C-alpha atoms as a PDB file:
ATOM      1  CA  MET A   1      72.030  85.973 111.342  1.00  0.00           C
ATOM      2  CA  PRO A   2      74.375  88.754 110.154  1.00  0.00           C
ATOM      3  CA  ARG A   3      77.947  87.691 109.519  1.00  0.00           C
ATOM      4  CA  MET A   4      81.059  89.688 108.752  1.00  0.00           C
ATOM      5  CA  GLU A   5      84.723  88.793 108.971  1.00  0.00           C
ATOM      6  CA  LEU A   6      88.081  89.688 107.546  1.00  0.00           C
ATOM      7  CA  ILE A   7      90.539  86.861 106.884  1.00  0.00           C
ATOM      8  CA  ALA A   8      94.151  87.319 105.755  1.00  0.00           C
ATOM      9  CA  GLY A   9      96.079  84.519 104.091  1.00  0.00           C
ATOM     10  CA  HIS A  10      96.077  82.674 100.779  1.00  0.00           C
ATOM     11  CA  ALA A  11      92.724  83.190  99.064  1.00  0.00           C
ATOM     12  CA  PRO A  12      92.441  79.586  97.775  1.00  0.00           C
ATOM     13  CA  THR A  13      92.910  78.229 101.310  1.00  0.00           C
ATOM     14  CA  ILE A  14      90.398  80.708 102.700  1.00  0.00           C
ATOM     15  CA  LEU A  15      87.848  79.733 100.046  1.00  0.00           C
ATOM     16  CA  VAL A  16      88.260  76.017 100.797  1.00  0.00           C
ATOM     17  CA  ILE A  17      87.706  76.613 104.498  1.00  0.00           C
ATOM     18  CA  LEU A  18      84.678  78.802 103.806  1.00  0.00           C
ATOM     19  CA  ALA A  19      83.218  76.171 101.465  1.00  0.00           C
ATOM     20  CA  ALA A  20      83.695  73.533 104.155  1.00  0.00           C
ATOM     21  CA  GLU A  21      82.114  75.894 106.703  1.00  0.00           C
ATOM     22  CA  ASP A  22      85.075  75.204 108.987  1.00  0.00           C
ATOM     23  CA  VAL A  23      84.295  77.841 111.630  1.00  0.00           C
ATOM     24  CA  GLY A  24      87.050  76.667 113.950  1.00  0.00           C
ATOM     25  CA  GLY A  25      89.545  76.677 111.097  1.00  0.00           C
ATOM     26  CA  ARG A  26      89.043  80.378 110.471  1.00  0.00           C
ATOM     27  CA  ALA A  27      90.061  81.221 114.014  1.00  0.00           C
ATOM     28  CA  ASP A  28      93.062  78.858 114.088  1.00  0.00           C
ATOM     29  CA  PRO A  29      96.014  81.224 114.673  1.00  0.00           C
ATOM     30  CA  GLY A  30      98.404  79.062 112.639  1.00  0.00           C
ATOM     31  CA  ARG A  31      96.225  78.848 109.569  1.00  0.00           C
ATOM     32  CA  PHE A  32      96.067  82.520 108.549  1.00  0.00           C
ATOM     33  CA  HIS A  33      98.036  85.719 108.933  1.00  0.00           C
ATOM     34  CA  ALA A  34      95.057  87.286 110.715  1.00  0.00           C
ATOM     35  CA  HIS A  35      91.346  86.836 111.329  1.00  0.00           C
ATOM     36  CA  LEU A  36      88.867  89.422 112.579  1.00  0.00           C
ATOM     37  CA  PRO A  37      85.255  88.405 113.208  1.00  0.00           C
ATOM     38  CA  LEU A  38      82.985  91.439 112.877  1.00  0.00           C
ATOM     39  CA  THR A  39      79.676  89.699 113.457  1.00  0.00           C
ATOM     40  CA  GLY A  40      77.183  91.699 115.415  1.00  0.00           C
ATOM     41  CA  SER A  41      74.913  94.605 114.730  1.00  0.00           C
ATOM     42  CA  ILE A  42      77.202  96.158 112.138  1.00  0.00           C
ATOM     43  CA  ASP A  43      77.095  96.078 108.356  1.00  0.00           C
ATOM     44  CA  PRO A  44      79.764  96.758 105.693  1.00  0.00           C
ATOM     45  CA  THR A  45      79.022 100.500 105.599  1.00  0.00           C
ATOM     46  CA  TRP A  46      80.527 100.741 109.086  1.00  0.00           C
ATOM     47  CA  LEU A  47      83.936 100.125 107.496  1.00  0.00           C
ATOM     48  CA  ASP A  48      83.263 102.999 105.078  1.00  0.00           C
ATOM     49  CA  PHE A  49      82.691 105.231 108.115  1.00  0.00           C
ATOM     50  CA  PHE A  50      85.851 103.799 109.704  1.00  0.00           C
ATOM     51  CA  ALA A  51      87.841 104.771 106.582  1.00  0.00           C
ATOM     52  CA  ASP A  52      86.291 108.256 106.612  1.00  0.00           C
ATOM     53  CA  ALA A  53      87.264 108.661 110.265  1.00  0.00           C
ATOM     54  CA  ALA A  54      90.801 107.467 109.512  1.00  0.00           C
ATOM     55  CA  ARG A  55      91.178 110.046 106.721  1.00  0.00           C
ATOM     56  CA  ALA A  56      89.834 112.814 108.946  1.00  0.00           C
ATOM     57  CA  VAL A  57      92.126 111.976 111.853  1.00  0.00           C
ATOM     58  CA  THR A  58      95.320 111.347 109.869  1.00  0.00           C
ATOM     59  CA  GLY A  59      94.820 114.098 107.295  1.00  0.00           C
ATOM     60  CA  GLN A  60      95.621 111.563 104.559  1.00  0.00           C
ATOM     61  CA  GLU A  61      93.634 110.694 101.437  1.00  0.00           C
ATOM     62  CA  THR A  62      93.724 107.015 102.337  1.00  0.00           C
ATOM     63  CA  PRO A  63      92.255 104.559 103.127  1.00  0.00           C
ATOM     64  CA  SER A  64      89.576 104.743 100.462  1.00  0.00           C
ATOM     65  CA  ASP A  65      85.984 103.977 101.349  1.00  0.00           C
ATOM     66  CA  PHE A  66      85.790 100.267 102.047  1.00  0.00           C
ATOM     67  CA  ILE A  67      83.141  99.751  99.362  1.00  0.00           C
ATOM     68  CA  ASP A  68      85.676 100.940  96.763  1.00  0.00           C
ATOM     69  CA  ALA A  69      88.340  98.555  98.110  1.00  0.00           C
ATOM     70  CA  ARG A  70      86.353  95.359  97.543  1.00  0.00           C
ATOM     71  CA  ILE A  71      86.247  93.041  94.540  1.00  0.00           C
ATOM     72  CA  ASP A  72      83.611  90.293  94.491  1.00  0.00           C
ATOM     73  CA  LEU A  73      85.206  86.876  94.111  1.00  0.00           C
ATOM     74  CA  GLY A  74      81.899  85.256  93.185  1.00  0.00           C
ATOM     75  CA  ALA A  75      83.165  82.226  95.056  1.00  0.00           C
ATOM     76  CA  THR A  76      80.008  81.019  96.736  1.00  0.00           C
ATOM     77  CA  ARG A  77      76.873  79.191  95.756  1.00  0.00           C
ATOM     78  CA  ASP A  78      75.093  80.685  98.766  1.00  0.00           C
ATOM     79  CA  GLU A  79      73.074  83.624  97.460  1.00  0.00           C
ATOM     80  CA  TYR A  80      73.186  85.292 100.878  1.00  0.00           C
ATOM     81  CA  LEU A  81      76.952  85.065 101.422  1.00  0.00           C
ATOM     82  CA  THR A  82      79.292  87.535  99.734  1.00  0.00           C
ATOM     83  CA  ILE A  83      83.025  86.878  99.488  1.00  0.00           C
ATOM     84  CA  GLU A  84      85.224  89.751  98.352  1.00  0.00           C
ATOM     85  CA  ARG A  85      88.935  90.401  98.053  1.00  0.00           C
ATOM     86  CA  VAL A  86      90.118  93.562  99.831  1.00  0.00           C
ATOM     87  CA  ASP A  87      92.485  95.852  97.949  1.00  0.00           C
ATOM     88  CA  PRO A  88      95.978  95.548  99.505  1.00  0.00           C
ATOM     89  CA  ALA A  89      96.264  99.365  99.376  1.00  0.00           C
ATOM     90  CA  TRP A  90      93.328  99.655 101.806  1.00  0.00           C
ATOM     91  CA  VAL A  91      94.917  97.176 104.198  1.00  0.00           C
ATOM     92  CA  ALA A  92      98.288  98.943 103.972  1.00  0.00           C
ATOM     93  CA  ALA A  93      96.738 102.373 104.579  1.00  0.00           C
ATOM     94  CA  VAL A  94      94.951 101.149 107.706  1.00  0.00           C
ATOM     95  CA  ALA A  95      98.103  99.356 108.882  1.00  0.00           C
ATOM     96  CA  ARG A  96      99.978 102.689 108.767  1.00  0.00           C
ATOM     97  CA  ILE A  97      97.534 104.476 111.071  1.00  0.00           C
ATOM     98  CA  PRO A  98      99.638 105.708 113.990  1.00  0.00           C
ATOM     99  CA  GLU A  99      98.865 104.129 117.352  1.00  0.00           C
ATOM    100  CA  ARG A 100      98.546 107.576 118.949  1.00  0.00           C
ATOM    101  CA  THR A 101      95.598 108.426 116.668  1.00  0.00           C
ATOM    102  CA  ILE A 102      93.437 105.346 117.308  1.00  0.00           C
ATOM    103  CA  ASP A 103      91.459 106.954 120.153  1.00  0.00           C
ATOM    104  CA  ALA A 104      90.677 110.006 118.022  1.00  0.00           C
ATOM    105  CA  LEU A 105      89.820 107.748 115.075  1.00  0.00           C
ATOM    106  CA  ALA A 106      87.417 105.752 117.265  1.00  0.00           C
ATOM    107  CA  GLY A 107      85.745 108.936 118.497  1.00  0.00           C
ATOM    108  CA  HIS A 108      85.331 110.255 114.972  1.00  0.00           C
ATOM    109  CA  TRP A 109      84.038 106.847 113.838  1.00  0.00           C
ATOM    110  CA  ILE A 110      81.376 106.938 116.553  1.00  0.00           C
ATOM    111  CA  ASP A 111      80.418 110.475 115.479  1.00  0.00           C
ATOM    112  CA  ARG A 112      80.061 109.343 111.839  1.00  0.00           C
ATOM    113  CA  LEU A 113      77.960 106.355 112.845  1.00  0.00           C
ATOM    114  CA  GLU A 114      75.673 108.554 114.914  1.00  0.00           C
ATOM    115  CA  GLU A 115      75.289 110.979 112.000  1.00  0.00           C
ATOM    116  CA  GLU A 116      74.098 108.102 109.835  1.00  0.00           C
ATOM    117  CA  ILE A 117      72.111 105.834 112.143  1.00  0.00           C
ATOM    118  CA  GLY A 118      71.271 108.003 115.127  1.00  0.00           C
ATOM    119  CA  ALA A 119      72.430 108.045 118.714  1.00  0.00           C
ATOM    120  CA  LEU A 120      74.222 104.929 119.863  1.00  0.00           C
ATOM    121  CA  PRO A 121      73.581 103.492 123.308  1.00  0.00           C
ATOM    122  CA  GLY A 122      76.370 104.377 125.720  1.00  0.00           C
ATOM    123  CA  GLU A 123      77.241 100.728 126.261  1.00  0.00           C
ATOM    124  CA  GLU A 124      78.037 100.348 122.533  1.00  0.00           C
ATOM    125  CA  LYS A 125      80.708 103.038 122.434  1.00  0.00           C
ATOM    126  CA  PRO A 126      83.460 101.182 124.361  1.00  0.00           C
ATOM    127  CA  TRP A 127      82.971  98.200 122.062  1.00  0.00           C
ATOM    128  CA  ILE A 128      83.320 100.410 118.972  1.00  0.00           C
ATOM    129  CA  ARG A 129      86.460 102.020 120.419  1.00  0.00           C
ATOM    130  CA  GLU A 130      87.913  98.556 120.943  1.00  0.00           C
ATOM    131  CA  LEU A 131      86.874  97.524 117.434  1.00  0.00           C
ATOM    132  CA  ALA A 132      88.766 100.479 115.923  1.00  0.00           C
ATOM    133  CA  GLY A 133      91.961  99.175 117.486  1.00  0.00           C
ATOM    134  CA  GLN A 134      91.165  95.641 116.356  1.00  0.00           C
ATOM    135  CA  VAL A 135      90.726  96.744 112.735  1.00  0.00           C
ATOM    136  CA  VAL A 136      94.109  98.498 112.787  1.00  0.00           C
ATOM    137  CA  THR A 137      95.763  95.526 114.519  1.00  0.00           C
ATOM    138  CA  PHE A 138      94.224  93.143 111.971  1.00  0.00           C
ATOM    139  CA  CYS A 139      95.517  95.247 109.073  1.00  0.00           C
ATOM    140  CA  ARG A 140      99.008  95.400 110.553  1.00  0.00           C
ATOM    141  CA  ALA A 141      99.084  91.594 110.723  1.00  0.00           C
ATOM    142  CA  ALA A 142      97.378  91.234 107.337  1.00  0.00           C
ATOM    143  CA  ASP A 143      99.655  93.672 105.512  1.00  0.00           C
ATOM    144  CA  ALA A 144     102.164  90.878 104.837  1.00  0.00           C
ATOM    145  CA  ALA A 145      99.488  88.414 103.705  1.00  0.00           C
ATOM    146  CA  PRO A 146      99.074  87.569 100.032  1.00  0.00           C
ATOM    147  CA  ASP A 147      95.303  88.149 100.236  1.00  0.00           C
ATOM    148  CA  VAL A 148      92.655  89.628 102.503  1.00  0.00           C
ATOM    149  CA  VAL A 149      89.127  88.337 102.101  1.00  0.00           C
ATOM    150  CA  PHE A 150      85.973  89.999 103.403  1.00  0.00           C
ATOM    151  CA  VAL A 151      83.080  87.632 104.045  1.00  0.00           C
ATOM    152  CA  TRP A 152      79.643  88.945 104.840  1.00  0.00           C
ATOM    153  CA  ALA A 153      75.987  88.109 104.897  1.00  0.00           C
ATOM    154  CA  LEU A 154      73.214  90.298 106.263  1.00  0.00           C
ATOM    155  CA  GLY A 155      70.186  88.706 107.814  1.00  0.00           C
END
């Protein structure tokens, strides 16, 4: 089953919880600065398209593509699970996205996704619009965290 999530906090604590497969612990609001489950029919390239949409809407050169903002921590024995640290500059750039631009960002993100993967079903678009806001909200909460970790496994 595909899995993706962003977790903000102290990397050693995050790694211990991931190693223990403490699913409930990841969502505990007191344990981390922020947690955003992204599991579903998306893959990491969606966050590249999100960053592209953010640059287009804000007219800024940041955030970088998400693939360029990740550093593999090599912290797992599971060959299917990837754990990466997210560059704080990426998190900060997303955190600075103005609230008034989130709707336009979401629309541009949907356009980019459709350019790459084809037409999206109409029922998916409200969820993607909501997800755009959730990514920005996560980054605002995570901006003060010492670390942001991206965990993902496809298939």
